[in-house]
């Protein structure tokens, strides 16, 4: 794989470059040698962010991970990319499409069905509230989304945290 590594507000040291190629090098078994991997490292205040983009035939495999340590972010991003690759492989096998940037041995191996397992169930209060109040509740809990009954529509809605300390609201269509 060919790595294109760049940094925003961070110098890409030899140690970071080595950590990236070592960690993402585990993915080489899936791709042809000419596959291009774009890696962008950035630092904003305490946030150490890595973005990895791998263009493949018909789609883009991409992950963005943030932590307070760049090496932790690198570890996290590799796990997410590998999970996305397995899901994409299953889709290719089901559709019987060509693999593009993937190694043929990887495509031909039997597709592993990733079993969906629910490991925890949470209950939530049905007391109606306004979206702004739901945002406050979400912040107090330290979550990045919050499910609630909207006092204005009496329907279940979801508020979620967006980049830049803004919020989104998901409502069902009528």
N, C-alpha and C. Protein backbone atom coordinates (compact mmCIF):
# COMPACT_ATOMS: atom_id res chain seq x y z
N UNK A 1 0.85 -1.17 0.00
CA UNK A 1 0.00 0.00 0.00
C UNK A 1 0.89 1.23 0.00
N UNK A 2 0.40 2.28 -0.63
CA UNK A 2 1.13 3.54 -0.66
C UNK A 2 0.45 4.51 0.30
N UNK A 3 1.23 5.07 1.21
CA UNK A 3 0.69 5.97 2.22
C UNK A 3 0.98 7.42 1.84
N UNK A 4 -0.05 8.24 1.93
CA UNK A 4 0.10 9.68 1.77
C UNK A 4 -0.28 10.27 3.13
N UNK A 5 0.73 10.69 3.89
CA UNK A 5 0.51 11.14 5.26
C UNK A 5 0.77 12.64 5.33
N UNK A 6 -0.23 13.37 5.85
CA UNK A 6 -0.07 14.81 6.00
C UNK A 6 -0.53 15.22 7.39
N UNK A 7 -0.13 16.42 7.81
CA UNK A 7 -0.50 16.89 9.13
C UNK A 7 -1.02 18.32 9.09
N UNK A 8 -1.99 18.60 9.94
CA UNK A 8 -2.52 19.95 10.13
C UNK A 8 -2.27 20.32 11.59
N UNK A 9 -1.54 21.39 11.81
CA UNK A 9 -1.17 21.82 13.17
C UNK A 9 -0.36 20.77 13.92
N UNK A 10 0.31 19.90 13.18
CA UNK A 10 1.14 18.87 13.80
C UNK A 10 2.25 18.50 12.82
N UNK A 11 3.44 18.29 13.37
CA UNK A 11 4.54 17.82 12.54
C UNK A 11 4.47 16.29 12.51
N UNK A 12 4.50 15.74 11.33
CA UNK A 12 4.44 14.28 11.19
C UNK A 12 5.86 13.76 11.42
N UNK A 13 6.11 13.32 12.64
CA UNK A 13 7.44 12.83 13.01
C UNK A 13 7.66 11.42 12.46
N UNK A 14 8.88 10.99 12.49
CA UNK A 14 9.21 9.64 12.02
C UNK A 14 8.50 8.60 12.90
N UNK A 15 8.38 8.88 14.21
CA UNK A 15 7.68 7.96 15.11
C UNK A 15 6.21 7.81 14.74
N UNK A 16 5.55 8.92 14.43
CA UNK A 16 4.14 8.86 14.01
C UNK A 16 4.02 8.11 12.68
N UNK A 17 4.91 8.44 11.75
CA UNK A 17 4.89 7.78 10.43
C UNK A 17 5.06 6.26 10.60
N UNK A 18 5.99 5.86 11.47
CA UNK A 18 6.22 4.43 11.71
C UNK A 18 4.99 3.78 12.36
N UNK A 19 4.40 4.46 13.34
CA UNK A 19 3.21 3.92 14.01
C UNK A 19 2.07 3.72 13.01
N UNK A 20 1.90 4.68 12.12
CA UNK A 20 0.83 4.60 11.11
C UNK A 20 1.08 3.43 10.17
N UNK A 21 2.30 3.35 9.63
CA UNK A 21 2.58 2.28 8.66
C UNK A 21 2.56 0.91 9.33
N UNK A 22 2.99 0.82 10.60
CA UNK A 22 2.94 -0.46 11.31
C UNK A 22 1.49 -0.88 11.56
N UNK A 23 0.69 0.03 12.07
CA UNK A 23 -0.69 -0.30 12.43
C UNK A 23 -1.54 -0.54 11.19
N UNK A 24 -1.49 0.39 10.24
CA UNK A 24 -2.28 0.22 9.01
C UNK A 24 -1.67 -0.84 8.09
N UNK A 25 -0.41 -1.17 8.33
CA UNK A 25 0.23 -2.23 7.55
C UNK A 25 -0.46 -3.57 7.71
N UNK A 26 -1.18 -3.74 8.83
CA UNK A 26 -1.95 -4.98 9.03
C UNK A 26 -3.04 -5.13 7.98
N UNK A 27 -3.42 -4.02 7.36
CA UNK A 27 -4.47 -4.05 6.34
C UNK A 27 -3.95 -4.46 4.97
N UNK A 28 -2.62 -4.55 4.82
CA UNK A 28 -2.03 -4.87 3.51
C UNK A 28 -2.49 -6.21 2.98
N UNK A 29 -2.87 -7.12 3.87
CA UNK A 29 -3.32 -8.44 3.41
C UNK A 29 -4.62 -8.35 2.63
N UNK A 30 -5.35 -7.24 2.77
CA UNK A 30 -6.62 -7.06 2.07
C UNK A 30 -6.48 -6.38 0.72
N UNK A 31 -5.44 -5.57 0.53
CA UNK A 31 -5.36 -4.70 -0.63
C UNK A 31 -4.21 -5.06 -1.55
N UNK A 32 -4.32 -4.62 -2.80
CA UNK A 32 -3.23 -4.77 -3.75
C UNK A 32 -2.14 -3.76 -3.38
N UNK A 33 -0.89 -4.01 -3.80
CA UNK A 33 0.21 -3.12 -3.41
C UNK A 33 0.06 -1.68 -3.89
N UNK A 34 -0.68 -1.44 -4.97
CA UNK A 34 -0.81 -0.08 -5.49
C UNK A 34 -1.97 0.71 -4.87
N UNK A 35 -2.62 0.15 -3.86
CA UNK A 35 -3.72 0.85 -3.19
C UNK A 35 -3.18 2.06 -2.42
N UNK A 36 -3.86 3.18 -2.62
CA UNK A 36 -3.42 4.43 -1.98
C UNK A 36 -4.21 4.66 -0.68
N UNK A 37 -3.49 4.97 0.38
CA UNK A 37 -4.10 5.24 1.69
C UNK A 37 -3.77 6.67 2.06
N UNK A 38 -4.80 7.49 2.20
CA UNK A 38 -4.60 8.90 2.56
C UNK A 38 -4.82 9.05 4.05
N UNK A 39 -3.82 9.55 4.76
CA UNK A 39 -3.87 9.72 6.21
C UNK A 39 -3.63 11.19 6.53
N UNK A 40 -4.54 11.77 7.29
CA UNK A 40 -4.38 13.16 7.73
C UNK A 40 -4.42 13.20 9.25
N UNK A 41 -3.38 13.75 9.84
CA UNK A 41 -3.32 13.93 11.29
C UNK A 41 -3.59 15.40 11.58
N UNK A 42 -4.34 15.68 12.64
CA UNK A 42 -4.57 17.07 13.02
C UNK A 42 -4.71 17.19 14.53
N UNK A 43 -4.39 18.38 15.01
CA UNK A 43 -4.50 18.66 16.43
C UNK A 43 -5.29 19.96 16.59
N UNK A 44 -6.33 19.90 17.41
CA UNK A 44 -7.12 21.07 17.77
C UNK A 44 -7.28 21.03 19.27
N UNK A 45 -6.67 21.98 19.96
CA UNK A 45 -6.67 22.02 21.43
C UNK A 45 -6.16 20.69 21.96
N UNK A 46 -6.97 19.95 22.71
CA UNK A 46 -6.55 18.67 23.29
C UNK A 46 -6.87 17.49 22.37
N UNK A 47 -7.54 17.76 21.25
CA UNK A 47 -8.03 16.69 20.38
C UNK A 47 -6.97 16.27 19.36
N UNK A 48 -6.61 15.00 19.39
CA UNK A 48 -5.66 14.43 18.44
C UNK A 48 -6.46 13.57 17.47
N UNK A 49 -6.56 14.01 16.22
CA UNK A 49 -7.46 13.37 15.26
C UNK A 49 -6.68 12.76 14.11
N UNK A 50 -7.11 11.57 13.70
CA UNK A 50 -6.57 10.92 12.51
C UNK A 50 -7.73 10.60 11.58
N UNK A 51 -7.54 10.90 10.30
CA UNK A 51 -8.53 10.57 9.27
C UNK A 51 -7.83 9.67 8.26
N UNK A 52 -8.45 8.52 7.98
CA UNK A 52 -7.89 7.59 7.00
C UNK A 52 -8.92 7.38 5.91
N UNK A 53 -8.50 7.56 4.66
CA UNK A 53 -9.39 7.38 3.51
C UNK A 53 -8.72 6.42 2.54
N UNK A 54 -9.47 5.37 2.17
CA UNK A 54 -8.96 4.39 1.20
C UNK A 54 -9.99 4.28 0.08
N UNK A 55 -9.71 4.90 -1.08
CA UNK A 55 -10.66 4.77 -2.19
C UNK A 55 -10.56 3.37 -2.79
N UNK A 56 -11.70 2.69 -2.89
CA UNK A 56 -11.76 1.38 -3.54
C UNK A 56 -12.88 1.41 -4.57
N UNK A 57 -12.90 0.43 -5.42
CA UNK A 57 -13.88 0.39 -6.50
C UNK A 57 -15.31 0.52 -5.95
N UNK A 58 -15.98 1.56 -6.38
CA UNK A 58 -17.39 1.71 -6.02
C UNK A 58 -17.67 2.40 -4.70
N UNK A 59 -16.65 2.65 -3.88
CA UNK A 59 -16.91 3.29 -2.59
C UNK A 59 -15.61 3.84 -2.01
N UNK A 60 -15.72 4.40 -0.84
CA UNK A 60 -14.56 4.89 -0.11
C UNK A 60 -14.65 4.32 1.30
N UNK A 61 -13.57 3.71 1.75
CA UNK A 61 -13.52 3.24 3.13
C UNK A 61 -12.84 4.34 3.92
N UNK A 62 -13.53 4.82 4.96
CA UNK A 62 -13.04 6.00 5.66
C UNK A 62 -13.35 5.90 7.14
N UNK A 63 -12.42 6.38 7.95
CA UNK A 63 -12.65 6.48 9.39
C UNK A 63 -11.94 7.70 9.92
N UNK A 64 -12.55 8.26 10.95
CA UNK A 64 -11.99 9.43 11.63
C UNK A 64 -12.08 9.13 13.11
N UNK A 65 -10.96 9.20 13.81
CA UNK A 65 -10.95 8.91 15.24
C UNK A 65 -10.26 10.03 15.99
N UNK A 66 -10.79 10.34 17.17
CA UNK A 66 -10.27 11.43 17.99
C UNK A 66 -10.02 10.92 19.40
N UNK A 67 -8.91 11.31 19.98
CA UNK A 67 -8.63 11.04 21.39
C UNK A 67 -7.67 12.11 21.88
N UNK A 68 -7.20 11.98 23.10
CA UNK A 68 -6.23 12.96 23.59
C UNK A 68 -4.79 12.49 23.36
N UNK A 69 -4.62 11.35 22.66
CA UNK A 69 -3.30 10.81 22.34
C UNK A 69 -3.33 10.29 20.90
N UNK A 70 -2.44 10.79 20.06
CA UNK A 70 -2.46 10.43 18.65
C UNK A 70 -2.24 8.93 18.45
N UNK A 71 -1.43 8.30 19.28
CA UNK A 71 -1.16 6.87 19.13
C UNK A 71 -2.43 6.05 19.44
N UNK A 72 -3.23 6.52 20.39
CA UNK A 72 -4.51 5.86 20.69
C UNK A 72 -5.44 6.02 19.50
N UNK A 73 -5.48 7.22 18.91
CA UNK A 73 -6.32 7.47 17.74
C UNK A 73 -5.93 6.55 16.59
N UNK A 74 -4.63 6.33 16.41
CA UNK A 74 -4.15 5.45 15.34
C UNK A 74 -4.63 4.02 15.58
N UNK A 75 -4.56 3.54 16.82
CA UNK A 75 -5.04 2.19 17.15
C UNK A 75 -6.54 2.07 16.86
N UNK A 76 -7.30 3.07 17.27
CA UNK A 76 -8.76 3.03 17.08
C UNK A 76 -9.14 3.02 15.60
N UNK A 77 -8.46 3.82 14.81
CA UNK A 77 -8.82 3.94 13.40
C UNK A 77 -8.58 2.63 12.65
N UNK A 78 -7.54 1.91 13.02
CA UNK A 78 -7.24 0.64 12.34
C UNK A 78 -8.36 -0.38 12.58
N UNK A 79 -8.86 -0.43 13.80
CA UNK A 79 -9.94 -1.38 14.13
C UNK A 79 -11.20 -1.07 13.33
N UNK A 80 -11.54 0.21 13.23
CA UNK A 80 -12.75 0.61 12.51
C UNK A 80 -12.61 0.31 11.02
N UNK A 81 -11.45 0.62 10.44
CA UNK A 81 -11.22 0.35 9.01
C UNK A 81 -11.33 -1.14 8.73
N UNK A 82 -10.76 -1.97 9.59
CA UNK A 82 -10.81 -3.41 9.37
C UNK A 82 -12.25 -3.92 9.41
N UNK A 83 -13.05 -3.40 10.33
CA UNK A 83 -14.46 -3.79 10.41
C UNK A 83 -15.20 -3.38 9.14
N UNK A 84 -14.92 -2.18 8.64
CA UNK A 84 -15.56 -1.70 7.41
C UNK A 84 -15.17 -2.56 6.21
N UNK A 85 -13.91 -2.98 6.18
CA UNK A 85 -13.45 -3.83 5.07
C UNK A 85 -14.20 -5.15 5.05
N UNK A 86 -14.38 -5.77 6.23
CA UNK A 86 -15.11 -7.05 6.29
C UNK A 86 -16.55 -6.87 5.82
N UNK A 87 -17.19 -5.80 6.23
CA UNK A 87 -18.58 -5.54 5.80
C UNK A 87 -18.63 -5.32 4.29
N UNK A 88 -17.68 -4.57 3.75
CA UNK A 88 -17.64 -4.30 2.33
C UNK A 88 -17.40 -5.58 1.54
N UNK A 89 -16.54 -6.44 2.07
CA UNK A 89 -16.27 -7.72 1.42
C UNK A 89 -17.54 -8.56 1.33
N UNK A 90 -18.31 -8.60 2.43
CA UNK A 90 -19.56 -9.36 2.42
C UNK A 90 -20.51 -8.81 1.36
N UNK A 91 -20.53 -7.50 1.21
CA UNK A 91 -21.39 -6.88 0.20
C UNK A 91 -20.93 -7.28 -1.20
N UNK A 92 -19.60 -7.29 -1.43
CA UNK A 92 -19.05 -7.69 -2.73
C UNK A 92 -19.41 -9.13 -3.06
N UNK A 93 -19.27 -10.01 -2.07
CA UNK A 93 -19.55 -11.43 -2.28
C UNK A 93 -21.03 -11.62 -2.59
N UNK A 94 -21.89 -10.92 -1.87
CA UNK A 94 -23.33 -11.05 -2.10
C UNK A 94 -23.71 -10.56 -3.49
N UNK A 95 -23.08 -9.49 -3.96
CA UNK A 95 -23.42 -8.93 -5.27
C UNK A 95 -22.60 -9.55 -6.40
N UNK A 96 -21.63 -10.38 -6.03
CA UNK A 96 -20.74 -11.02 -6.99
C UNK A 96 -20.06 -10.00 -7.90
N UNK A 97 -19.57 -8.93 -7.30
CA UNK A 97 -18.86 -7.89 -8.05
C UNK A 97 -17.37 -8.16 -7.99
N UNK A 98 -16.65 -7.48 -8.86
CA UNK A 98 -15.20 -7.56 -8.82
C UNK A 98 -14.67 -6.78 -7.62
N UNK A 99 -13.49 -7.12 -7.17
CA UNK A 99 -12.96 -6.53 -5.96
C UNK A 99 -12.17 -5.26 -6.12
N UNK A 100 -11.80 -4.88 -7.35
CA UNK A 100 -11.04 -3.64 -7.53
C UNK A 100 -9.71 -3.67 -6.82
N UNK A 101 -9.57 -2.90 -5.75
CA UNK A 101 -8.30 -2.77 -5.03
C UNK A 101 -8.01 -3.90 -4.06
N UNK A 102 -8.96 -4.82 -3.89
CA UNK A 102 -8.77 -5.90 -2.93
C UNK A 102 -8.00 -7.05 -3.55
N UNK A 103 -7.22 -7.74 -2.73
CA UNK A 103 -6.51 -8.93 -3.17
C UNK A 103 -7.54 -10.03 -3.49
N UNK A 104 -7.26 -10.82 -4.50
CA UNK A 104 -8.20 -11.87 -4.92
C UNK A 104 -8.39 -12.92 -3.83
N UNK A 105 -7.31 -13.25 -3.09
CA UNK A 105 -7.43 -14.26 -2.03
C UNK A 105 -8.42 -13.81 -0.97
N UNK A 106 -8.42 -12.51 -0.68
CA UNK A 106 -9.33 -11.96 0.31
C UNK A 106 -10.77 -12.08 -0.17
N UNK A 107 -11.02 -11.78 -1.41
CA UNK A 107 -12.38 -11.85 -1.97
C UNK A 107 -12.88 -13.29 -2.00
N UNK A 108 -11.98 -14.23 -2.35
CA UNK A 108 -12.40 -15.61 -2.53
C UNK A 108 -12.64 -16.34 -1.22
N UNK A 109 -12.02 -15.89 -0.14
CA UNK A 109 -12.28 -16.53 1.16
C UNK A 109 -13.76 -16.44 1.46
N UNK A 110 -14.26 -17.43 2.14
CA UNK A 110 -15.68 -17.46 2.45
C UNK A 110 -16.07 -16.26 3.30
N UNK A 111 -17.17 -15.65 2.94
CA UNK A 111 -17.63 -14.46 3.68
C UNK A 111 -18.03 -14.85 5.09
N UNK A 112 -17.48 -14.11 6.06
CA UNK A 112 -17.85 -14.36 7.45
C UNK A 112 -19.05 -13.47 7.74
N UNK A 113 -20.11 -14.07 8.21
CA UNK A 113 -21.27 -13.26 8.58
C UNK A 113 -21.00 -12.65 9.93
N UNK A 114 -21.02 -11.33 9.97
CA UNK A 114 -20.86 -10.65 11.24
C UNK A 114 -22.20 -10.66 11.94
N UNK A 115 -22.24 -11.36 13.03
CA UNK A 115 -23.47 -11.49 13.78
C UNK A 115 -23.73 -10.20 14.56
N UNK A 116 -24.95 -9.70 14.46
CA UNK A 116 -25.33 -8.51 15.22
C UNK A 116 -25.79 -8.98 16.58
N UNK A 117 -25.12 -8.49 17.62
CA UNK A 117 -25.47 -8.89 18.98
C UNK A 117 -25.82 -7.65 19.79
N UNK A 118 -26.99 -7.65 20.36
CA UNK A 118 -27.37 -6.58 21.27
C UNK A 118 -26.94 -7.03 22.65
N UNK A 119 -26.05 -6.24 23.26
CA UNK A 119 -25.50 -6.66 24.55
C UNK A 119 -26.06 -5.86 25.71
N UNK A 120 -26.86 -4.83 25.41
CA UNK A 120 -27.41 -4.03 26.48
C UNK A 120 -28.69 -3.36 26.00
N UNK A 121 -29.67 -3.29 26.88
CA UNK A 121 -30.92 -2.61 26.58
C UNK A 121 -31.12 -1.51 27.60
N UNK A 122 -31.49 -0.33 27.12
CA UNK A 122 -31.73 0.79 28.02
C UNK A 122 -33.18 1.24 27.86
N UNK A 123 -33.77 1.64 28.94
CA UNK A 123 -35.12 2.18 28.94
C UNK A 123 -35.00 3.70 29.08
N UNK A 124 -35.97 4.43 28.51
CA UNK A 124 -35.94 5.87 28.69
C UNK A 124 -37.32 6.37 29.08
N UNK A 125 -37.32 7.48 29.79
CA UNK A 125 -38.54 8.09 30.31
C UNK A 125 -39.36 8.67 29.16
N UNK A 126 -40.67 8.45 29.18
CA UNK A 126 -41.53 8.96 28.12
C UNK A 126 -42.11 10.34 28.43
N UNK A 127 -41.60 10.98 29.45
CA UNK A 127 -42.09 12.31 29.79
C UNK A 127 -41.71 13.27 28.65
N UNK A 128 -42.71 13.91 28.04
CA UNK A 128 -42.40 14.81 26.91
C UNK A 128 -41.51 15.98 27.33
N UNK A 129 -40.62 16.37 26.41
CA UNK A 129 -39.75 17.52 26.65
C UNK A 129 -39.45 18.20 25.32
N UNK A 130 -38.98 19.41 25.40
CA UNK A 130 -38.62 20.16 24.20
C UNK A 130 -37.21 19.77 23.76
N UNK A 131 -36.91 19.89 22.46
CA UNK A 131 -35.58 19.50 21.96
C UNK A 131 -34.43 20.18 22.71
N UNK A 132 -34.59 21.43 23.07
CA UNK A 132 -33.53 22.14 23.80
C UNK A 132 -33.27 21.48 25.15
N UNK A 133 -34.36 21.07 25.83
CA UNK A 133 -34.21 20.38 27.12
C UNK A 133 -33.53 19.03 26.93
N UNK A 134 -33.84 18.36 25.83
CA UNK A 134 -33.20 17.07 25.54
C UNK A 134 -31.69 17.25 25.33
N UNK A 135 -31.30 18.37 24.69
CA UNK A 135 -29.87 18.65 24.50
C UNK A 135 -29.18 18.83 25.85
N UNK A 136 -29.85 19.52 26.77
CA UNK A 136 -29.29 19.72 28.11
C UNK A 136 -29.13 18.37 28.81
N UNK A 137 -30.16 17.51 28.73
CA UNK A 137 -30.09 16.18 29.33
C UNK A 137 -28.93 15.37 28.74
N UNK A 138 -28.78 15.44 27.42
CA UNK A 138 -27.72 14.72 26.73
C UNK A 138 -26.36 15.17 27.25
N UNK A 139 -26.17 16.48 27.38
CA UNK A 139 -24.91 17.01 27.87
C UNK A 139 -24.64 16.57 29.31
N UNK A 140 -25.69 16.59 30.14
CA UNK A 140 -25.52 16.19 31.55
C UNK A 140 -25.12 14.72 31.66
N UNK A 141 -25.62 13.88 30.74
CA UNK A 141 -25.27 12.46 30.76
C UNK A 141 -23.92 12.19 30.11
N UNK A 142 -23.42 13.15 29.32
CA UNK A 142 -22.15 12.96 28.64
C UNK A 142 -22.26 12.08 27.41
N UNK A 143 -23.46 11.98 26.83
CA UNK A 143 -23.67 11.17 25.63
C UNK A 143 -23.58 12.04 24.39
N UNK A 144 -23.54 11.40 23.21
CA UNK A 144 -23.54 12.18 21.97
C UNK A 144 -24.88 12.09 21.24
N UNK A 145 -25.86 11.42 21.83
CA UNK A 145 -27.24 11.47 21.33
C UNK A 145 -28.19 11.22 22.48
N UNK A 146 -29.46 11.58 22.27
CA UNK A 146 -30.45 11.41 23.34
C UNK A 146 -31.82 11.19 22.71
N UNK A 147 -32.51 10.13 23.12
CA UNK A 147 -33.84 9.79 22.61
C UNK A 147 -34.88 10.34 23.58
N UNK A 148 -35.93 10.99 23.04
CA UNK A 148 -36.94 11.60 23.89
C UNK A 148 -38.27 11.72 23.14
N UNK A 149 -39.33 11.99 23.90
CA UNK A 149 -40.64 12.28 23.30
C UNK A 149 -40.73 13.79 23.18
N UNK A 150 -40.93 14.28 21.97
CA UNK A 150 -41.00 15.71 21.70
C UNK A 150 -42.32 16.26 22.21
N UNK A 151 -42.27 17.27 23.09
CA UNK A 151 -43.46 17.87 23.67
C UNK A 151 -44.29 18.59 22.62
N UNK A 152 -43.68 19.04 21.53
CA UNK A 152 -44.39 19.77 20.48
C UNK A 152 -45.15 18.84 19.54
N UNK A 153 -44.60 17.65 19.27
CA UNK A 153 -45.21 16.74 18.28
C UNK A 153 -45.72 15.45 18.89
N UNK A 154 -45.36 15.16 20.13
CA UNK A 154 -45.71 13.92 20.83
C UNK A 154 -45.17 12.68 20.12
N UNK A 155 -44.05 12.84 19.41
CA UNK A 155 -43.40 11.72 18.71
C UNK A 155 -42.00 11.53 19.28
N UNK A 156 -41.49 10.33 19.09
CA UNK A 156 -40.13 10.03 19.54
C UNK A 156 -39.15 10.72 18.59
N UNK A 157 -38.20 11.46 19.14
CA UNK A 157 -37.17 12.18 18.40
C UNK A 157 -35.81 11.83 18.99
N UNK A 158 -34.77 12.22 18.28
CA UNK A 158 -33.40 12.04 18.75
C UNK A 158 -32.67 13.36 18.53
N UNK A 159 -31.98 13.84 19.56
CA UNK A 159 -31.04 14.95 19.37
C UNK A 159 -29.65 14.34 19.40
N UNK A 160 -28.74 14.94 18.64
CA UNK A 160 -27.38 14.42 18.60
C UNK A 160 -26.39 15.56 18.49
N UNK A 161 -25.20 15.30 18.96
CA UNK A 161 -24.14 16.30 18.95
C UNK A 161 -23.43 16.25 17.61
N UNK A 162 -23.22 17.41 17.03
CA UNK A 162 -22.51 17.53 15.76
C UNK A 162 -21.15 18.17 16.00
N UNK A 163 -20.34 18.21 14.99
CA UNK A 163 -19.05 18.87 15.10
C UNK A 163 -19.27 20.36 15.34
N UNK A 164 -18.33 20.98 16.01
CA UNK A 164 -18.41 22.41 16.24
C UNK A 164 -19.40 22.79 17.33
N UNK A 165 -19.65 21.86 18.27
CA UNK A 165 -20.59 22.10 19.37
C UNK A 165 -21.96 22.57 18.92
N UNK A 166 -22.46 21.97 17.85
CA UNK A 166 -23.82 22.22 17.40
C UNK A 166 -24.62 20.93 17.60
N UNK A 167 -25.92 21.01 17.42
CA UNK A 167 -26.79 19.87 17.66
C UNK A 167 -27.66 19.60 16.44
N UNK A 168 -28.10 18.35 16.31
CA UNK A 168 -29.03 17.95 15.26
C UNK A 168 -30.26 17.34 15.90
N UNK A 169 -31.36 17.34 15.17
CA UNK A 169 -32.62 16.76 15.62
C UNK A 169 -33.13 15.80 14.56
N UNK A 170 -33.42 14.56 14.94
CA UNK A 170 -34.02 13.57 14.04
C UNK A 170 -35.49 13.43 14.39
N UNK A 171 -36.34 13.63 13.39
CA UNK A 171 -37.79 13.51 13.57
C UNK A 171 -38.33 12.53 12.53
N UNK A 172 -39.37 11.77 12.86
CA UNK A 172 -39.96 10.88 11.86
C UNK A 172 -40.76 11.70 10.85
N UNK A 173 -40.81 11.19 9.60
CA UNK A 173 -41.64 11.83 8.59
C UNK A 173 -43.09 11.47 8.86
N UNK A 174 -43.99 12.38 8.53
CA UNK A 174 -45.42 12.10 8.75
C UNK A 174 -45.97 11.17 7.72
